[in-house]
Protein backbone atom coordinates (compact mmCIF):
# COMPACT_ATOMS: atom_id res chain seq x y z
CA UNK A 1 -43.54 -17.27 24.87
CA UNK A 2 -44.80 -20.61 23.37
CA UNK A 3 -42.43 -23.48 22.67
CA UNK A 4 -43.45 -23.37 19.10
CA UNK A 5 -42.21 -19.51 18.48
CA UNK A 6 -39.33 -20.07 20.33
CA UNK A 7 -38.62 -23.12 18.15
CA UNK A 8 -39.35 -20.47 15.25
CA UNK A 9 -36.98 -17.89 16.36
CA UNK A 10 -33.80 -20.34 16.87
CA UNK A 11 -34.82 -21.60 13.33
CA UNK A 12 -34.48 -17.96 11.81
CA UNK A 13 -31.23 -17.28 14.10
CA UNK A 14 -29.57 -20.53 12.68
CA UNK A 15 -30.80 -19.82 9.12
CA UNK A 16 -29.58 -16.08 9.49
CA UNK A 17 -25.98 -17.07 10.46
CA UNK A 18 -25.86 -19.84 7.64
CA UNK A 19 -26.60 -17.24 5.16
CA UNK A 20 -24.45 -15.22 6.65
CA UNK A 21 -21.34 -17.57 6.62
CA UNK A 22 -22.69 -18.30 3.24
CA UNK A 23 -22.14 -15.06 1.92
CA UNK A 24 -18.57 -14.76 3.19
CA UNK A 25 -19.54 -12.55 6.74
CA UNK A 26 -18.52 -14.22 9.67
CA UNK A 27 -21.16 -15.22 12.71
CA UNK A 28 -19.40 -12.54 15.24
CA UNK A 29 -19.92 -9.65 12.49
CA UNK A 30 -23.35 -10.53 11.72
CA UNK A 31 -24.40 -11.16 15.35
CA UNK A 32 -22.63 -8.01 16.35
CA UNK A 33 -24.53 -5.83 13.62
CA UNK A 34 -20.97 -4.69 11.66
CA UNK A 35 -21.58 -5.93 8.53
CA UNK A 36 -19.41 -7.40 5.86
CA UNK A 37 -17.64 -3.87 5.65
CA UNK A 38 -16.72 -3.86 9.56
CA UNK A 39 -15.25 -7.27 9.54
CA UNK A 40 -13.01 -6.74 6.55
CA UNK A 41 -11.92 -3.54 7.99
CA UNK A 42 -10.80 -5.42 11.45
CA UNK A 43 -8.93 -8.42 9.27
CA UNK A 44 -6.74 -6.11 7.38
CA UNK A 45 -6.35 -3.79 10.89
CA UNK A 46 -4.93 -7.49 12.11
CA UNK A 47 -2.35 -7.67 9.37
CA UNK A 48 1.09 -6.45 10.65
CA UNK A 49 2.50 -3.37 9.05
CA UNK A 50 5.16 -4.01 6.75
CA UNK A 51 8.59 -2.93 7.49
CA UNK A 52 12.19 -3.18 5.89
CA UNK A 53 12.68 -6.36 7.61
CA UNK A 54 9.80 -8.25 5.56
CA UNK A 55 10.72 -6.27 2.34
CA UNK A 56 13.15 -6.90 -0.78
CA UNK A 57 13.25 -3.38 -2.47
CA UNK A 58 14.56 -2.87 -6.13
CA UNK A 59 13.90 -0.37 -8.75
CA UNK A 60 14.24 -0.09 -12.57
CA UNK A 61 13.99 2.71 -15.08
CA UNK A 62 10.89 3.24 -17.40
CA UNK A 63 11.91 4.59 -20.68
CA UNK A 64 14.59 6.69 -19.01
CA UNK A 65 16.03 7.66 -15.72
CA UNK A 66 13.48 10.52 -15.04
CA UNK A 67 10.83 7.34 -14.43
CA UNK A 68 11.58 4.89 -12.24
CA UNK A 69 9.53 2.12 -10.79
CA UNK A 70 10.02 1.03 -7.27
CA UNK A 71 8.90 -2.29 -5.95
CA UNK A 72 8.93 -3.96 -3.02
CA UNK A 73 8.29 -7.69 -2.44
CA UNK A 74 7.03 -9.41 0.48
CA UNK A 75 9.92 -11.82 1.60
CA UNK A 76 8.62 -12.98 4.74
CA UNK A 77 6.38 -15.83 5.53
CA UNK A 78 3.34 -13.89 6.31
CA UNK A 79 0.82 -11.19 5.44
CA UNK A 80 1.68 -7.64 5.65
CA UNK A 81 0.01 -4.02 4.98
CA UNK A 82 1.57 -1.29 3.48
CA UNK A 83 -0.09 2.21 4.05
CA UNK A 84 -0.40 5.12 1.79
CA UNK A 85 2.62 5.82 -0.34
CA UNK A 86 6.58 5.54 0.48
CA UNK A 87 8.32 8.62 1.97
CA UNK A 88 11.09 9.09 -0.73
CA UNK A 89 13.94 11.38 -0.51
CA UNK A 90 16.50 11.84 -3.62
CA UNK A 91 20.04 12.59 -3.08
CA UNK A 92 21.00 14.66 -0.12
CA UNK A 93 17.20 16.04 -0.30
CA UNK A 94 15.86 17.22 3.26
CA UNK A 95 12.33 16.70 2.10
CA UNK A 96 9.86 13.95 1.09
CA UNK A 97 8.78 13.64 -2.57
CA UNK A 98 5.12 15.11 -3.07
CA UNK A 99 2.76 12.67 -3.83
CA UNK A 100 0.14 12.58 -6.44
CA UNK A 101 -3.07 12.53 -4.81
CA UNK A 102 -4.88 10.77 -7.98
CA UNK A 103 -2.82 7.73 -7.57
CA UNK A 104 -4.63 6.36 -4.53
CA UNK A 105 -6.90 3.92 -6.42
CA UNK A 106 -8.54 2.34 -2.80
CA UNK A 107 -8.53 5.37 -0.46
CA UNK A 108 -8.16 4.50 3.19
CA UNK A 109 -7.36 0.71 2.42
CA UNK A 110 -3.64 -0.63 2.74
CA UNK A 111 -2.01 -2.79 0.28
CA UNK A 112 -2.57 -6.32 1.74
CA UNK A 113 1.08 -8.47 0.62
CA UNK A 114 1.02 -12.18 0.59
CA UNK A 115 4.34 -13.98 0.98
CA UNK A 116 6.18 -13.34 -2.48
CA UNK A 117 3.52 -10.91 -3.61
CA UNK A 118 5.20 -7.44 -4.66
CA UNK A 119 3.67 -3.85 -4.83
CA UNK A 120 4.83 -0.95 -6.79
CA UNK A 121 5.18 2.87 -6.56
CA UNK A 122 6.40 5.14 -9.25
CA UNK A 123 8.65 7.76 -9.25
CA UNK A 124 9.28 10.82 -11.29
CA UNK A 125 12.66 11.90 -10.46
CA UNK A 126 12.66 15.00 -12.86
CA UNK A 127 9.73 17.18 -14.40
CA UNK A 128 11.76 18.30 -17.23
CA UNK A 129 12.32 21.43 -15.90
CA UNK A 130 15.44 23.47 -14.81
CA UNK A 131 17.82 23.51 -11.63
CA UNK A 132 18.48 19.87 -11.81
CA UNK A 133 20.78 18.33 -9.51
CA UNK A 134 23.02 15.63 -9.25
CA UNK A 135 21.90 12.37 -7.03
CA UNK A 136 23.66 9.12 -5.91
CA UNK A 137 20.97 7.41 -3.93
CA UNK A 138 17.27 6.96 -2.93
CA UNK A 139 15.93 6.61 0.09
CA UNK A 140 12.58 5.49 1.16
CA UNK A 141 10.11 4.95 4.67
CA UNK A 142 7.45 3.05 4.71
CA UNK A 143 4.02 4.78 6.26
CA UNK A 144 2.51 3.25 9.36
CA UNK A 145 -0.94 2.16 10.06
CA UNK A 146 -1.56 5.94 11.78
CA UNK A 147 -1.22 9.00 9.55
CA UNK A 148 2.01 10.70 10.14
CA UNK A 149 3.95 7.72 11.66
CA UNK A 150 6.48 5.38 10.12
CA UNK A 151 7.58 1.82 10.24
CA UNK A 152 11.01 1.40 10.66
CA UNK A 153 13.86 3.33 9.44
CA UNK A 154 14.96 4.58 6.05
CA UNK A 155 15.72 1.78 3.18
CA UNK A 156 18.08 2.67 0.62
CA UNK A 157 16.63 1.55 -2.86
CA UNK A 158 19.00 0.29 -5.50
CA UNK A 159 19.11 2.26 -8.68
CA UNK A 160 19.29 1.04 -11.99
CA UNK A 161 21.70 4.09 -13.10
CA UNK A 162 24.66 5.59 -11.01
CA UNK A 163 23.34 8.83 -10.91
CA UNK A 164 19.89 10.69 -11.30
CA UNK A 165 19.36 14.43 -12.29
CA UNK A 166 16.47 15.30 -10.32
CA UNK A 167 14.64 18.56 -9.56
CA UNK A 168 11.92 20.04 -7.34
CA UNK A 169 9.27 18.42 -9.88
CA UNK A 170 9.62 14.90 -8.31
CA UNK A 171 6.60 13.03 -7.62
CA UNK A 172 5.52 9.71 -6.13
CA UNK A 173 2.68 7.52 -6.18
CA UNK A 174 0.54 5.50 -3.69
CA UNK A 175 1.39 2.12 -3.39
CA UNK A 176 -0.61 -0.54 -5.67
CA UNK A 177 -0.24 -4.06 -6.94
CA UNK A 178 -0.70 -3.04 -10.18
CA UNK A 179 2.58 -1.55 -12.03
CA UNK A 180 0.76 -0.28 -14.75
CA UNK A 181 -1.44 1.57 -12.81
CA UNK A 182 1.69 3.29 -11.02
CA UNK A 183 3.21 4.38 -13.90
CA UNK A 184 0.19 5.76 -15.66
CA UNK A 185 0.38 8.95 -13.32
CA UNK A 186 4.03 9.66 -14.21
CA UNK A 187 4.77 8.72 -17.89
CA UNK A 188 2.43 11.70 -19.89
CA UNK A 189 4.93 13.79 -17.47
């Protein structure tokens, strides 16, 4: 190989790195051939999973106490990831509230919270049917990065009313950073 062609290759590699960096892709990802998506997924995975030690939790009623908006806020000084949806139990219930599958706006992607940022999940306490029971508390657990795992223990959710009237028609949404998006899935029920 002659010097001229070696210099041409080095210039091409350097130009490729400059273009990759200008496009927001790391030089390592470009050199490894993983592309922007591979680098983005690895960056999300490097962020710790949110747990109850980093989050403040609250709830508000929307329209009536059948429709609650669950809010978590990152109270730490580092980013953290929320996975899928909260595992919610209303009252002394022994099962987790089913999730509205269509409410997952970013399938497979965690919700990343920066310090001070909030995330929301909407909770339908009662579908309007019969067989209501009184509930004095709501607890939630956060899911871990691996399906079926949890991050920390149960969190007691402060309620906007002293008693909820729940039934087996309860539903919860996936986590999102847009409260209106979460509420869209339960307000018509």
